């Protein structure tokens, strides 16, 4: 083995014409997802993106909490955007549809777990996580995150990073049900802040609440002095998202 190039012994498989053509056409598929998303979601503002586990049943307290949160948010005048699947995503769409504002699902094709729920007024379907993620952020006035697994944590880390780095305007990031989030928040403080992986002020990027009423209050408190429409500067930031 060449110590300067440990991969020198591996066989190199050239890309053939068919593979390159398929890769090129994939670009158009991705573009189509963005175009449809932009066209259909630009009319739902203001909106709130809600996240949580796909694995909870309708009789689970988290499902019921998510449904109540979404109903309150919908009645307050916000379209509700979820991942379109089951569990808390379904609860969010169900609560929103029972309220006054549109219920939106951004569905993703997965080998398991993801089956579109029946409570979507607007349903989009994605093959690619990254284009779907952009849609969650681009038109959101707030992020509401209920208990969930890796996918939920991924979305939470994504929005925290985008706001922290200024790649998207600052919006309310609301974690619901403090017993679930308590240890993670402690770890943020005791490890990330203590070891200077994040700034102490970054702990103010999110808020932890427990009730649907607190969710709505946190959103309105954030926008009390400025309104929900993005400023010209914020619109420019979102164009580069």
C-alpha atoms as a PDB file:
ATOM      1  CA  UNK A   1       0.000   0.000   0.000  1.00  0.00           C
ATOM      2  CA  UNK A   2       1.268   3.430  -0.913  1.00  0.00           C
ATOM      3  CA  UNK A   3       1.318   5.392   2.411  1.00  0.00           C
ATOM      4  CA  UNK A   4       0.824   8.617   0.477  1.00  0.00           C
ATOM      5  CA  UNK A   5      -2.281   7.287  -1.270  1.00  0.00           C
ATOM      6  CA  UNK A   6      -4.068   4.538   0.709  1.00  0.00           C
ATOM      7  CA  UNK A   7      -6.741   4.285  -2.018  1.00  0.00           C
ATOM      8  CA  UNK A   8      -4.294   3.606  -4.855  1.00  0.00           C
ATOM      9  CA  UNK A   9      -4.960  -0.149  -4.727  1.00  0.00           C
ATOM     10  CA  UNK A  10      -8.710   0.217  -5.187  1.00  0.00           C
ATOM     11  CA  UNK A  11     -10.229  -0.400  -8.580  1.00  0.00           C
ATOM     12  CA  UNK A  12     -11.507   2.741 -10.230  1.00  0.00           C
ATOM     13  CA  UNK A  13     -14.892   2.307 -11.845  1.00  0.00           C
ATOM     14  CA  UNK A  14     -15.486   4.944 -14.504  1.00  0.00           C
ATOM     15  CA  UNK A  15     -18.916   6.514 -14.861  1.00  0.00           C
ATOM     16  CA  UNK A  16     -20.518   5.354 -18.080  1.00  0.00           C
ATOM     17  CA  UNK A  17     -22.761   7.446 -20.290  1.00  0.00           C
ATOM     18  CA  UNK A  18     -25.987   6.017 -18.895  1.00  0.00           C
ATOM     19  CA  UNK A  19     -24.969   6.842 -15.327  1.00  0.00           C
ATOM     20  CA  UNK A  20     -23.979  10.392 -16.241  1.00  0.00           C
ATOM     21  CA  UNK A  21     -27.254  10.908 -18.096  1.00  0.00           C
ATOM     22  CA  UNK A  22     -29.219   9.682 -15.112  1.00  0.00           C
ATOM     23  CA  UNK A  23     -27.308  12.004 -12.792  1.00  0.00           C
ATOM     24  CA  UNK A  24     -27.981  14.939 -15.123  1.00  0.00           C
ATOM     25  CA  UNK A  25     -31.709  14.237 -15.271  1.00  0.00           C
ATOM     26  CA  UNK A  26     -31.756  14.027 -11.472  1.00  0.00           C
ATOM     27  CA  UNK A  27     -30.993  17.755 -11.450  1.00  0.00           C
ATOM     28  CA  UNK A  28     -34.257  18.449 -13.259  1.00  0.00           C
ATOM     29  CA  UNK A  29     -36.148  16.308 -10.769  1.00  0.00           C
ATOM     30  CA  UNK A  30     -34.671  18.344  -7.930  1.00  0.00           C
ATOM     31  CA  UNK A  31     -35.502  21.604  -9.711  1.00  0.00           C
ATOM     32  CA  UNK A  32     -39.098  20.448 -10.162  1.00  0.00           C
ATOM     33  CA  UNK A  33     -39.418  19.817  -6.428  1.00  0.00           C
ATOM     34  CA  UNK A  34     -38.194  23.322  -5.656  1.00  0.00           C
ATOM     35  CA  UNK A  35     -40.406  24.977  -8.265  1.00  0.00           C
ATOM     36  CA  UNK A  36     -43.562  23.205  -7.111  1.00  0.00           C
ATOM     37  CA  UNK A  37     -42.739  23.906  -3.472  1.00  0.00           C
ATOM     38  CA  UNK A  38     -42.128  27.606  -4.077  1.00  0.00           C
ATOM     39  CA  UNK A  39     -45.286  28.003  -6.144  1.00  0.00           C
ATOM     40  CA  UNK A  40     -47.625  26.184  -3.774  1.00  0.00           C
ATOM     41  CA  UNK A  41     -46.229  27.341  -0.443  1.00  0.00           C
ATOM     42  CA  UNK A  42     -45.711  31.017  -1.176  1.00  0.00           C
ATOM     43  CA  UNK A  43     -49.445  31.558  -0.643  1.00  0.00           C
ATOM     44  CA  UNK A  44     -49.690  29.966   2.822  1.00  0.00           C
ATOM     45  CA  UNK A  45     -47.887  32.670   4.802  1.00  0.00           C
ATOM     46  CA  UNK A  46     -47.786  33.128   7.720  1.00  0.00           C
ATOM     47  CA  UNK A  47     -47.080  29.521   8.574  1.00  0.00           C
ATOM     48  CA  UNK A  48     -45.670  27.450  11.415  1.00  0.00           C
ATOM     49  CA  UNK A  49     -43.669  24.261  10.859  1.00  0.00           C
ATOM     50  CA  UNK A  50     -44.372  21.526  13.430  1.00  0.00           C
ATOM     51  CA  UNK A  51     -42.110  18.517  14.021  1.00  0.00           C
ATOM     52  CA  UNK A  52     -42.227  15.389  16.143  1.00  0.00           C
ATOM     53  CA  UNK A  53     -42.100  11.614  16.224  1.00  0.00           C
ATOM     54  CA  UNK A  54     -43.752   9.551  13.489  1.00  0.00           C
ATOM     55  CA  UNK A  55     -44.034   6.632  15.904  1.00  0.00           C
ATOM     56  CA  UNK A  56     -46.649   7.756  18.434  1.00  0.00           C
ATOM     57  CA  UNK A  57     -50.220   6.435  18.243  1.00  0.00           C
ATOM     58  CA  UNK A  58     -53.346   8.630  18.402  1.00  0.00           C
ATOM     59  CA  UNK A  59     -53.926   7.654  22.044  1.00  0.00           C
ATOM     60  CA  UNK A  60     -50.428   8.809  23.063  1.00  0.00           C
ATOM     61  CA  UNK A  61     -50.213  12.033  25.121  1.00  0.00           C
ATOM     62  CA  UNK A  62     -47.671  13.484  22.661  1.00  0.00           C
ATOM     63  CA  UNK A  63     -50.100  12.984  19.750  1.00  0.00           C
ATOM     64  CA  UNK A  64     -52.875  14.685  21.664  1.00  0.00           C
ATOM     65  CA  UNK A  65     -50.592  17.545  22.693  1.00  0.00           C
ATOM     66  CA  UNK A  66     -49.488  18.062  19.086  1.00  0.00           C
ATOM     67  CA  UNK A  67     -53.092  18.109  17.889  1.00  0.00           C
ATOM     68  CA  UNK A  68     -53.974  20.741  20.492  1.00  0.00           C
ATOM     69  CA  UNK A  69     -50.923  22.834  19.614  1.00  0.00           C
ATOM     70  CA  UNK A  70     -51.756  22.729  15.911  1.00  0.00           C
ATOM     71  CA  UNK A  71     -55.388  23.646  16.537  1.00  0.00           C
ATOM     72  CA  UNK A  72     -54.367  26.673  18.599  1.00  0.00           C
ATOM     73  CA  UNK A  73     -51.819  27.737  15.976  1.00  0.00           C
ATOM     74  CA  UNK A  74     -54.339  27.278  13.146  1.00  0.00           C
ATOM     75  CA  UNK A  75     -57.040  29.236  14.951  1.00  0.00           C
ATOM     76  CA  UNK A  76     -54.495  31.996  15.576  1.00  0.00           C
ATOM     77  CA  UNK A  77     -54.200  32.460  11.800  1.00  0.00           C
ATOM     78  CA  UNK A  78     -51.141  30.372  10.874  1.00  0.00           C
ATOM     79  CA  UNK A  79     -51.020  27.662   8.262  1.00  0.00           C
ATOM     80  CA  UNK A  80     -49.545  24.533   9.810  1.00  0.00           C
ATOM     81  CA  UNK A  81     -46.813  22.629   7.965  1.00  0.00           C
ATOM     82  CA  UNK A  82     -45.843  19.094   8.963  1.00  0.00           C
ATOM     83  CA  UNK A  83     -43.933  16.231   7.393  1.00  0.00           C
ATOM     84  CA  UNK A  84     -47.188  14.712   6.183  1.00  0.00           C
ATOM     85  CA  UNK A  85     -46.681  11.311   7.795  1.00  0.00           C
ATOM     86  CA  UNK A  86     -48.072   9.611  10.868  1.00  0.00           C
ATOM     87  CA  UNK A  87     -47.642  10.198  14.573  1.00  0.00           C
ATOM     88  CA  UNK A  88     -47.113  13.795  15.588  1.00  0.00           C
ATOM     89  CA  UNK A  89     -47.043  14.847  11.928  1.00  0.00           C
ATOM     90  CA  UNK A  90     -50.548  13.459  11.525  1.00  0.00           C
ATOM     91  CA  UNK A  91     -51.656  15.074  14.768  1.00  0.00           C
ATOM     92  CA  UNK A  92     -50.365  18.440  13.548  1.00  0.00           C
ATOM     93  CA  UNK A  93     -52.256  18.181  10.255  1.00  0.00           C
ATOM     94  CA  UNK A  94     -55.381  16.944  12.007  1.00  0.00           C
ATOM     95  CA  UNK A  95     -55.385  19.788  14.519  1.00  0.00           C
ATOM     96  CA  UNK A  96     -54.702  22.356  11.808  1.00  0.00           C
ATOM     97  CA  UNK A  97     -57.480  21.051   9.572  1.00  0.00           C
ATOM     98  CA  UNK A  98     -59.935  21.337  12.462  1.00  0.00           C
ATOM     99  CA  UNK A  99     -58.888  24.972  12.860  1.00  0.00           C
ATOM    100  CA  UNK A 100     -59.248  28.036  10.661  1.00  0.00           C
ATOM    101  CA  UNK A 101     -56.070  27.829   8.588  1.00  0.00           C
ATOM    102  CA  UNK A 102     -54.670  25.460   5.943  1.00  0.00           C
ATOM    103  CA  UNK A 103     -53.077  22.141   6.846  1.00  0.00           C
ATOM    104  CA  UNK A 104     -49.951  21.425   4.778  1.00  0.00           C
ATOM    105  CA  UNK A 105     -47.953  18.205   4.464  1.00  0.00           C
ATOM    106  CA  UNK A 106     -44.453  17.918   2.989  1.00  0.00           C
ATOM    107  CA  UNK A 107     -44.359  14.200   2.342  1.00  0.00           C
ATOM    108  CA  UNK A 108     -41.136  12.259   1.795  1.00  0.00           C
ATOM    109  CA  UNK A 109     -40.653   8.878   0.135  1.00  0.00           C
ATOM    110  CA  UNK A 110     -39.006   6.508   2.637  1.00  0.00           C
ATOM    111  CA  UNK A 111     -38.447   2.743   2.777  1.00  0.00           C
ATOM    112  CA  UNK A 112     -40.582   2.623   5.939  1.00  0.00           C
ATOM    113  CA  UNK A 113     -42.604   4.736   8.362  1.00  0.00           C
ATOM    114  CA  UNK A 114     -43.748   7.415   5.916  1.00  0.00           C
ATOM    115  CA  UNK A 115     -47.333   7.088   4.744  1.00  0.00           C
ATOM    116  CA  UNK A 116     -49.290  10.227   3.916  1.00  0.00           C
ATOM    117  CA  UNK A 117     -51.918  11.105   6.512  1.00  0.00           C
ATOM    118  CA  UNK A 118     -55.437  12.084   5.370  1.00  0.00           C
ATOM    119  CA  UNK A 119     -55.541  15.523   7.036  1.00  0.00           C
ATOM    120  CA  UNK A 120     -53.685  17.587   4.428  1.00  0.00           C
ATOM    121  CA  UNK A 121     -55.342  20.461   2.564  1.00  0.00           C
ATOM    122  CA  UNK A 122     -52.122  20.924   0.596  1.00  0.00           C
ATOM    123  CA  UNK A 123     -49.891  17.900   0.028  1.00  0.00           C
ATOM    124  CA  UNK A 124     -46.464  18.011  -1.614  1.00  0.00           C
ATOM    125  CA  UNK A 125     -44.320  14.956  -2.269  1.00  0.00           C
ATOM    126  CA  UNK A 126     -40.513  14.888  -2.197  1.00  0.00           C
ATOM    127  CA  UNK A 127     -37.814  12.380  -3.055  1.00  0.00           C
ATOM    128  CA  UNK A 128     -35.009  14.465  -1.571  1.00  0.00           C
ATOM    129  CA  UNK A 129     -34.652  15.458   2.051  1.00  0.00           C
ATOM    130  CA  UNK A 130     -32.665  18.594   1.282  1.00  0.00           C
ATOM    131  CA  UNK A 131     -35.299  20.181  -0.971  1.00  0.00           C
ATOM    132  CA  UNK A 132     -38.002  19.301   1.569  1.00  0.00           C
ATOM    133  CA  UNK A 133     -35.936  20.905   4.334  1.00  0.00           C
ATOM    134  CA  UNK A 134     -35.769  24.172   2.414  1.00  0.00           C
ATOM    135  CA  UNK A 135     -39.575  24.232   2.205  1.00  0.00           C
ATOM    136  CA  UNK A 136     -39.905  23.795   5.964  1.00  0.00           C
ATOM    137  CA  UNK A 137     -37.724  26.847   6.547  1.00  0.00           C
ATOM    138  CA  UNK A 138     -38.403  29.213   3.669  1.00  0.00           C
ATOM    139  CA  UNK A 139     -41.962  30.231   4.549  1.00  0.00           C
ATOM    140  CA  UNK A 140     -41.985  29.483   8.285  1.00  0.00           C
ATOM    141  CA  UNK A 141     -42.767  32.196  10.805  1.00  0.00           C
ATOM    142  CA  UNK A 142     -41.921  29.766  13.624  1.00  0.00           C
ATOM    143  CA  UNK A 143     -40.620  26.260  14.296  1.00  0.00           C
ATOM    144  CA  UNK A 144     -42.466  24.159  16.876  1.00  0.00           C
ATOM    145  CA  UNK A 145     -40.659  20.978  17.906  1.00  0.00           C
ATOM    146  CA  UNK A 146     -42.382  18.257  19.912  1.00  0.00           C
ATOM    147  CA  UNK A 147     -40.775  15.038  21.204  1.00  0.00           C
ATOM    148  CA  UNK A 148     -39.234  12.941  18.454  1.00  0.00           C
ATOM    149  CA  UNK A 149     -36.277  10.916  17.236  1.00  0.00           C
ATOM    150  CA  UNK A 150     -33.375  11.436  14.857  1.00  0.00           C
ATOM    151  CA  UNK A 151     -35.478  13.147  12.164  1.00  0.00           C
ATOM    152  CA  UNK A 152     -36.885  15.610  14.678  1.00  0.00           C
ATOM    153  CA  UNK A 153     -33.444  16.312  16.131  1.00  0.00           C
ATOM    154  CA  UNK A 154     -32.108  16.777  12.608  1.00  0.00           C
ATOM    155  CA  UNK A 155     -34.705  19.451  11.864  1.00  0.00           C
ATOM    156  CA  UNK A 156     -34.025  21.143  15.204  1.00  0.00           C
ATOM    157  CA  UNK A 157     -30.261  21.226  14.607  1.00  0.00           C
ATOM    158  CA  UNK A 158     -30.864  22.495  11.066  1.00  0.00           C
ATOM    159  CA  UNK A 159     -32.940  25.515  12.076  1.00  0.00           C
ATOM    160  CA  UNK A 160     -30.682  26.340  15.033  1.00  0.00           C
ATOM    161  CA  UNK A 161     -27.668  26.322  12.712  1.00  0.00           C
ATOM    162  CA  UNK A 162     -29.380  28.434  10.043  1.00  0.00           C
ATOM    163  CA  UNK A 163     -30.468  31.079  12.556  1.00  0.00           C
ATOM    164  CA  UNK A 164     -27.154  31.004  14.437  1.00  0.00           C
ATOM    165  CA  UNK A 165     -25.170  31.564  11.235  1.00  0.00           C
ATOM    166  CA  UNK A 166     -27.531  34.178   9.813  1.00  0.00           C
ATOM    167  CA  UNK A 167     -28.490  32.054   6.811  1.00  0.00           C
ATOM    168  CA  UNK A 168     -32.156  32.517   7.677  1.00  0.00           C
ATOM    169  CA  UNK A 169     -33.914  35.283   9.638  1.00  0.00           C
ATOM    170  CA  UNK A 170     -34.371  34.788  13.365  1.00  0.00           C
ATOM    171  CA  UNK A 171     -37.712  33.103  14.029  1.00  0.00           C
ATOM    172  CA  UNK A 172     -39.198  31.573  17.188  1.00  0.00           C
ATOM    173  CA  UNK A 173     -37.885  28.052  17.791  1.00  0.00           C
ATOM    174  CA  UNK A 174     -40.156  26.501  20.377  1.00  0.00           C
ATOM    175  CA  UNK A 175     -39.541  23.164  22.091  1.00  0.00           C
ATOM    176  CA  UNK A 176     -42.728  21.698  23.559  1.00  0.00           C
ATOM    177  CA  UNK A 177     -42.914  19.511  26.697  1.00  0.00           C
ATOM    178  CA  UNK A 178     -40.057  20.439  29.003  1.00  0.00           C
ATOM    179  CA  UNK A 179     -39.620  16.980  30.639  1.00  0.00           C
ATOM    180  CA  UNK A 180     -38.598  15.571  27.255  1.00  0.00           C
ATOM    181  CA  UNK A 181     -36.125  18.349  26.408  1.00  0.00           C
ATOM    182  CA  UNK A 182     -34.724  19.036  29.880  1.00  0.00           C
ATOM    183  CA  UNK A 183     -31.616  16.846  29.697  1.00  0.00           C
ATOM    184  CA  UNK A 184     -30.759  17.941  26.156  1.00  0.00           C
ATOM    185  CA  UNK A 185     -30.938  21.596  27.175  1.00  0.00           C
ATOM    186  CA  UNK A 186     -28.758  20.831  30.194  1.00  0.00           C
ATOM    187  CA  UNK A 187     -26.227  19.159  27.899  1.00  0.00           C
ATOM    188  CA  UNK A 188     -26.230  22.216  25.628  1.00  0.00           C
ATOM    189  CA  UNK A 189     -25.372  24.366  28.649  1.00  0.00           C
ATOM    190  CA  UNK A 190     -22.957  22.049  30.434  1.00  0.00           C
ATOM    191  CA  UNK A 191     -21.088  20.818  27.357  1.00  0.00           C
ATOM    192  CA  UNK A 192     -21.588  23.033  24.317  1.00  0.00           C
ATOM    193  CA  UNK A 193     -21.505  26.362  26.140  1.00  0.00           C
ATOM    194  CA  UNK A 194     -18.980  25.274  28.766  1.00  0.00           C
ATOM    195  CA  UNK A 195     -16.581  24.011  26.099  1.00  0.00           C
ATOM    196  CA  UNK A 196     -17.180  27.029  23.836  1.00  0.00           C
ATOM    197  CA  UNK A 197     -18.715  24.938  21.061  1.00  0.00           C
ATOM    198  CA  UNK A 198     -21.542  27.509  21.013  1.00  0.00           C
ATOM    199  CA  UNK A 199     -21.895  30.965  22.549  1.00  0.00           C
ATOM    200  CA  UNK A 200     -23.863  31.470  25.749  1.00  0.00           C
ATOM    201  CA  UNK A 201     -26.225  33.739  23.791  1.00  0.00           C
ATOM    202  CA  UNK A 202     -27.086  30.817  21.496  1.00  0.00           C
ATOM    203  CA  UNK A 203     -29.135  29.378  24.340  1.00  0.00           C
ATOM    204  CA  UNK A 204     -31.599  32.188  23.648  1.00  0.00           C
ATOM    205  CA  UNK A 205     -32.254  30.986  20.100  1.00  0.00           C
ATOM    206  CA  UNK A 206     -34.956  28.653  21.399  1.00  0.00           C
ATOM    207  CA  UNK A 207     -37.604  28.533  24.106  1.00  0.00           C
ATOM    208  CA  UNK A 208     -39.057  25.588  26.019  1.00  0.00           C
ATOM    209  CA  UNK A 209     -42.791  25.593  26.821  1.00  0.00           C
ATOM    210  CA  UNK A 210     -45.433  23.106  27.893  1.00  0.00           C
ATOM    211  CA  UNK A 211     -48.861  24.212  26.681  1.00  0.00           C
ATOM    212  CA  UNK A 212     -50.489  25.133  23.354  1.00  0.00           C
ATOM    213  CA  UNK A 213     -51.296  28.565  24.707  1.00  0.00           C
ATOM    214  CA  UNK A 214     -47.632  29.179  25.512  1.00  0.00           C
ATOM    215  CA  UNK A 215     -46.680  28.210  21.961  1.00  0.00           C
ATOM    216  CA  UNK A 216     -48.998  30.818  20.439  1.00  0.00           C
ATOM    217  CA  UNK A 217     -47.952  33.436  22.999  1.00  0.00           C
ATOM    218  CA  UNK A 218     -44.259  32.867  22.222  1.00  0.00           C
ATOM    219  CA  UNK A 219     -44.893  33.386  18.508  1.00  0.00           C
ATOM    220  CA  UNK A 220     -46.863  36.597  18.974  1.00  0.00           C
ATOM    221  CA  UNK A 221     -44.363  37.928  21.527  1.00  0.00           C
ATOM    222  CA  UNK A 222     -41.584  37.542  18.955  1.00  0.00           C
ATOM    223  CA  UNK A 223     -43.473  39.489  16.286  1.00  0.00           C
ATOM    224  CA  UNK A 224     -45.151  42.034  18.538  1.00  0.00           C
ATOM    225  CA  UNK A 225     -43.036  44.985  17.380  1.00  0.00           C
ATOM    226  CA  UNK A 226     -42.441  44.073  13.748  1.00  0.00           C
ATOM    227  CA  UNK A 227     -45.252  42.095  12.089  1.00  0.00           C
ATOM    228  CA  UNK A 228     -45.028  38.787  10.265  1.00  0.00           C
ATOM    229  CA  UNK A 229     -43.887  39.944   6.840  1.00  0.00           C
ATOM    230  CA  UNK A 230     -40.118  39.628   6.326  1.00  0.00           C
ATOM    231  CA  UNK A 231     -38.184  42.837   5.861  1.00  0.00           C
ATOM    232  CA  UNK A 232     -36.407  43.595   2.594  1.00  0.00           C
ATOM    233  CA  UNK A 233     -33.137  42.427   4.148  1.00  0.00           C
ATOM    234  CA  UNK A 234     -34.767  39.184   5.347  1.00  0.00           C
ATOM    235  CA  UNK A 235     -36.210  38.531   1.899  1.00  0.00           C
ATOM    236  CA  UNK A 236     -32.724  38.805   0.447  1.00  0.00           C
ATOM    237  CA  UNK A 237     -31.430  36.341   3.029  1.00  0.00           C
ATOM    238  CA  UNK A 238     -34.186  33.863   2.156  1.00  0.00           C
ATOM    239  CA  UNK A 239     -33.346  34.116  -1.537  1.00  0.00           C
ATOM    240  CA  UNK A 240     -29.888  32.726  -0.712  1.00  0.00           C
ATOM    241  CA  UNK A 241     -31.170  29.987   1.603  1.00  0.00           C
END
